[in-house]
Amino acid sequence: MNLRNIHWFKFAAPQNFYYLAGRMWPWFGGLAAVLTLIGLYISFFVAPVDAQQGQGYRIIFVHVPASQMSMFIYLVMAGWAGFGLAFNTRLSGMMASALAPTGALFAFLSLITGAFWGKPMWGAWWVWDARLTSELILLFLYLGFLALQASIDDPRRADKACAVLALVGAVNVPIIYFSVKWWNTLHQGASVSMKGASMATPMLAGMLIMVIAFWMYTITIILLRVRSIILDRERHTEWVKHAVE
């Protein structure tokens, strides 16, 4: 099959994207399950004990991917929301709506796992560190997006209002990412960068596999959730009546 001959723009229609998502999500779901099992096995049974942090460092195999996904999902959500605001496309608002709950989940997971890591390392569950505080603001932005969406009955009006909030809040993401460079914070810098990695190979392998697993999980959940949103918003159309039969 020649990918260049596929009319990709046709999938901008909710009806066409609904069927595409239905074909795609099982593959991503399978990859998410397999990679999660492999990543957890390497992270907890193969990766060596850290010389300074002991066994407690293993929380990073969940904390780091969750933190990365919380930031990336917000940028993707803001991108979809902005696209919908600019071009008035229905699917864009649906995608932004589908992304928000998963982004909020990862932001919450990032903060909780960070607290479990911080207690033995810093001696406190929480400190008003620049990165922690900006991550908390990110969670509030997600919750604000969801609350604003739920407070407006008309989905199209809700999409536009939420798009403005998402775009304004996007400025917080680079603050989270660069906070350890801009300010003197307790939070450690990145262990993996373009210059290389400062961790043992099994640790790095477990980390990368868990990151990819979180990606696969995110794609799976988003595809499933957007299908539900499409069915709900398009329920009065003829094709939905046939789809649910």
Protein backbone atom coordinates (compact mmCIF):
# COMPACT_ATOMS: atom_id res chain seq x y z
CA MET A 1 0.00 0.00 0.00
CA ASN A 2 1.40 3.38 -1.02
CA LEU A 3 0.98 5.80 1.88
CA ARG A 4 1.20 8.74 -0.51
CA ASN A 5 -2.02 7.62 -2.17
CA ILE A 6 -3.97 7.76 1.09
CA HIS A 7 -6.13 10.86 1.47
CA TRP A 8 -5.11 11.68 5.03
CA PHE A 9 -7.32 14.78 5.27
CA LYS A 10 -10.41 12.60 5.12
CA PHE A 11 -9.62 11.44 8.65
CA ALA A 12 -10.27 14.99 9.88
CA ALA A 13 -13.94 14.03 9.69
CA PRO A 14 -15.07 12.51 13.02
CA GLN A 15 -16.84 9.64 11.23
CA ASN A 16 -13.69 8.54 9.36
CA PHE A 17 -11.43 9.02 12.37
CA TYR A 18 -13.78 6.93 14.49
CA TYR A 19 -13.22 3.88 12.30
CA LEU A 20 -9.48 4.56 11.99
CA ALA A 21 -9.11 4.77 15.77
CA GLY A 22 -11.03 1.53 16.11
CA ARG A 23 -8.45 -0.26 13.98
CA MET A 24 -5.43 1.33 15.62
CA TRP A 25 -6.04 1.13 19.36
CA PRO A 26 -5.68 -2.68 19.78
CA TRP A 27 -2.17 -2.56 18.30
CA PHE A 28 -1.05 0.25 20.57
CA GLY A 29 -2.75 -1.42 23.53
CA GLY A 30 -0.89 -4.66 22.89
CA LEU A 31 2.43 -2.84 22.63
CA ALA A 32 1.67 -0.93 25.84
CA ALA A 33 1.02 -4.15 27.77
CA VAL A 34 4.11 -5.96 26.49
CA LEU A 35 6.46 -3.01 26.94
CA THR A 36 5.15 -2.27 30.43
CA LEU A 37 5.83 -5.83 31.56
CA ILE A 38 9.33 -5.79 30.05
CA GLY A 39 10.09 -2.33 31.43
CA LEU A 40 8.92 -3.18 34.96
CA TYR A 41 10.91 -6.41 34.95
CA ILE A 42 14.10 -4.61 33.93
CA SER A 43 13.44 -1.71 36.29
CA PHE A 44 12.84 -3.81 39.40
CA PHE A 45 14.78 -7.04 38.82
CA VAL A 46 17.60 -6.30 36.36
CA ALA A 47 18.67 -2.70 37.02
CA PRO A 48 21.27 -2.52 39.80
CA VAL A 49 20.84 -0.77 43.12
CA ASP A 50 21.87 2.89 42.98
CA ALA A 51 25.03 3.59 44.96
CA GLN A 52 23.65 6.77 46.57
CA GLN A 53 19.86 6.37 46.58
CA GLY A 54 19.60 2.64 47.19
CA GLN A 55 16.40 0.83 46.19
CA GLY A 56 14.35 4.02 46.52
CA TYR A 57 15.55 5.33 43.18
CA ARG A 58 13.40 2.75 41.33
CA ILE A 59 10.40 5.06 41.64
CA ILE A 60 11.97 7.08 38.82
CA PHE A 61 11.01 4.37 36.32
CA VAL A 62 7.42 5.51 36.79
CA HIS A 63 8.03 9.10 37.87
CA VAL A 64 10.13 10.21 34.90
CA PRO A 65 7.84 8.84 32.14
CA ALA A 66 4.77 10.21 33.93
CA SER A 67 6.37 13.64 34.23
CA GLN A 68 7.40 13.69 30.58
CA MET A 69 3.97 12.60 29.39
CA SER A 70 2.20 15.18 31.58
CA MET A 71 4.11 17.96 29.81
CA PHE A 72 3.98 16.54 26.30
CA ILE A 73 0.26 15.76 26.46
CA TYR A 74 -0.46 19.34 27.49
CA LEU A 75 1.41 20.68 24.48
CA VAL A 76 -0.42 18.28 22.17
CA MET A 77 -3.73 19.20 23.79
CA ALA A 78 -2.98 22.90 23.34
CA GLY A 79 -1.98 22.23 19.73
CA TRP A 80 -5.26 20.47 18.94
CA ALA A 81 -7.22 23.14 20.79
CA GLY A 82 -5.46 25.95 18.95
CA PHE A 83 -5.98 24.22 15.60
CA GLY A 84 -9.66 23.88 16.34
CA LEU A 85 -9.88 27.52 17.38
CA ALA A 86 -8.18 28.66 14.19
CA PHE A 87 -9.92 26.40 11.69
CA ASN A 88 -13.14 25.53 13.53
CA THR A 89 -12.65 21.79 13.05
CA ARG A 90 -14.86 19.50 15.14
CA LEU A 91 -12.32 16.71 15.61
CA SER A 92 -9.74 19.09 17.10
CA GLY A 93 -11.90 19.91 20.09
CA MET A 94 -12.73 16.25 20.56
CA MET A 95 -9.05 15.31 20.58
CA ALA A 96 -8.23 18.04 23.10
CA SER A 97 -11.06 16.79 25.30
CA ALA A 98 -9.78 13.22 25.03
CA LEU A 99 -6.23 14.22 25.99
CA ALA A 100 -7.04 16.26 29.11
CA PRO A 101 -7.99 13.44 31.56
CA THR A 102 -4.91 11.39 30.72
CA GLY A 103 -2.68 14.43 31.04
CA ALA A 104 -4.21 15.19 34.46
CA LEU A 105 -3.63 11.57 35.50
CA PHE A 106 0.05 11.73 34.58
CA ALA A 107 0.53 15.10 36.29
CA PHE A 108 -1.01 13.66 39.46
CA LEU A 109 1.10 10.50 39.17
CA SER A 110 4.20 12.64 38.69
CA LEU A 111 3.51 14.57 41.89
CA ILE A 112 2.64 11.49 43.95
CA THR A 113 5.68 9.47 42.85
CA GLY A 114 7.82 12.56 43.30
CA ALA A 115 6.61 12.81 46.89
CA PHE A 116 7.51 9.16 47.58
CA TRP A 117 10.96 9.78 46.10
CA GLY A 118 11.43 13.10 47.88
CA LYS A 119 10.66 11.86 51.40
CA PRO A 120 13.75 9.64 51.78
CA MET A 121 15.97 11.88 49.61
CA TRP A 122 14.97 15.33 50.90
CA GLY A 123 13.38 14.38 54.20
CA ALA A 124 10.03 15.92 53.18
CA TRP A 125 7.01 14.86 51.16
CA TRP A 126 6.75 18.28 49.56
CA VAL A 127 8.87 21.39 49.14
CA TRP A 128 8.01 24.54 47.23
CA ASP A 129 10.65 23.76 44.65
CA ALA A 130 10.34 25.52 41.28
CA ARG A 131 9.80 22.30 39.32
CA LEU A 132 7.35 20.80 41.81
CA THR A 133 5.36 24.02 42.03
CA SER A 134 5.15 24.45 38.25
CA GLU A 135 4.11 20.77 37.90
CA LEU A 136 1.37 21.39 40.47
CA ILE A 137 0.23 24.37 38.38
CA LEU A 138 0.12 22.04 35.38
CA LEU A 139 -2.24 19.72 37.25
CA PHE A 140 -4.47 22.69 38.11
CA LEU A 141 -4.48 23.72 34.44
CA TYR A 142 -5.67 20.25 33.44
CA LEU A 143 -8.35 20.29 36.13
CA GLY A 144 -9.37 23.80 35.09
CA PHE A 145 -9.69 22.64 31.48
CA LEU A 146 -11.93 19.75 32.54
CA ALA A 147 -14.01 21.92 34.87
CA LEU A 148 -14.51 24.63 32.24
CA GLN A 149 -15.53 22.05 29.67
CA ALA A 150 -18.05 20.49 32.04
CA SER A 151 -19.54 23.88 32.94
CA ILE A 152 -20.57 24.77 29.36
CA ASP A 153 -23.44 22.81 27.85
CA ASP A 154 -22.68 23.57 24.19
CA PRO A 155 -19.65 21.40 23.20
CA ARG A 156 -18.50 23.80 20.47
CA ARG A 157 -18.56 26.80 22.82
CA ALA A 158 -16.80 24.70 25.45
CA ASP A 159 -14.09 23.76 22.93
CA LYS A 160 -13.40 27.42 22.14
CA ALA A 161 -13.27 28.50 25.78
CA CYS A 162 -11.02 25.58 26.70
CA ALA A 163 -8.77 26.30 23.72
CA VAL A 164 -7.99 29.75 25.09
CA LEU A 165 -7.17 28.29 28.51
CA ALA A 166 -4.99 25.57 26.97
CA LEU A 167 -3.02 28.02 24.85
CA VAL A 168 -2.43 30.42 27.74
CA GLY A 169 -1.40 27.58 30.04
CA ALA A 170 1.11 26.19 27.53
CA VAL A 171 3.65 28.76 28.72
CA ASN A 172 3.96 26.74 31.94
CA VAL A 173 5.46 23.71 30.17
CA PRO A 174 8.85 25.27 29.29
CA ILE A 175 8.94 26.67 32.83
CA ILE A 176 8.69 23.11 34.18
CA TYR A 177 11.32 21.80 31.80
CA PHE A 178 13.91 24.55 32.28
CA SER A 179 13.24 25.27 35.96
CA VAL A 180 16.28 23.29 37.14
CA LYS A 181 18.48 25.40 34.85
CA TRP A 182 16.87 28.78 35.52
CA TRP A 183 16.70 28.52 39.32
CA ASN A 184 18.68 26.90 42.12
CA THR A 185 16.27 24.05 42.88
CA LEU A 186 16.46 20.87 44.92
CA HIS A 187 15.30 18.82 41.96
CA GLN A 188 18.10 17.04 40.16
CA GLY A 189 18.86 17.70 36.50
CA ALA A 190 18.23 15.34 33.62
CA SER A 191 20.12 12.04 33.73
CA VAL A 192 19.66 11.54 29.98
CA SER A 193 20.45 14.22 27.41
CA MET A 194 21.79 14.64 23.88
CA LYS A 195 25.31 14.43 25.32
CA GLY A 196 24.70 10.98 26.77
CA ALA A 197 23.40 9.29 29.90
CA SER A 198 24.76 9.37 33.44
CA MET A 199 23.21 6.03 34.45
CA ALA A 200 24.07 2.37 34.01
CA THR A 201 22.95 0.64 30.82
CA PRO A 202 20.25 -1.54 32.48
CA MET A 203 18.83 1.56 34.20
CA LEU A 204 18.77 3.44 30.91
CA ALA A 205 17.16 0.51 29.08
CA GLY A 206 14.44 0.19 31.71
CA MET A 207 13.80 3.93 31.62
CA LEU A 208 13.53 4.13 27.82
CA ILE A 209 11.25 1.09 27.62
CA MET A 210 8.96 2.54 30.29
CA VAL A 211 8.84 5.86 28.44
CA ILE A 212 7.79 4.10 25.22
CA ALA A 213 5.26 2.01 27.18
CA PHE A 214 3.69 5.17 28.58
CA TRP A 215 3.49 6.56 25.04
CA MET A 216 1.72 3.44 23.80
CA TYR A 217 -0.67 3.52 26.75
CA THR A 218 -1.45 7.18 26.14
CA ILE A 219 -2.20 6.65 22.46
CA THR A 220 -4.42 3.67 23.29
CA ILE A 221 -6.48 5.54 25.88
CA ILE A 222 -6.79 8.65 23.72
CA LEU A 223 -8.06 6.64 20.75
CA LEU A 224 -10.59 4.85 22.92
CA ARG A 225 -11.76 8.03 24.61
CA VAL A 226 -12.08 10.05 21.40
CA ARG A 227 -14.22 7.28 19.93
CA SER A 228 -16.59 7.66 22.89
CA ILE A 229 -16.61 11.44 22.50
CA ILE A 230 -17.35 11.15 18.79
CA LEU A 231 -20.27 8.81 19.45
CA ASP A 232 -21.65 11.17 22.10
CA ARG A 233 -21.38 14.34 20.02
CA GLU A 234 -22.49 12.75 16.75
CA ARG A 235 -25.23 10.60 18.27
CA HIS A 236 -27.97 12.28 16.25
CA THR A 237 -26.33 11.50 12.90
CA GLU A 238 -27.30 8.55 10.78
CA TRP A 239 -23.86 6.91 10.67
CA VAL A 240 -23.68 6.68 14.48
CA LYS A 241 -26.97 4.81 14.57
CA HIS A 242 -25.49 2.23 12.22
CA ALA A 243 -22.14 2.15 14.07
CA VAL A 244 -23.68 1.21 17.41
CA GLU A 245 -26.04 -1.40 16.01
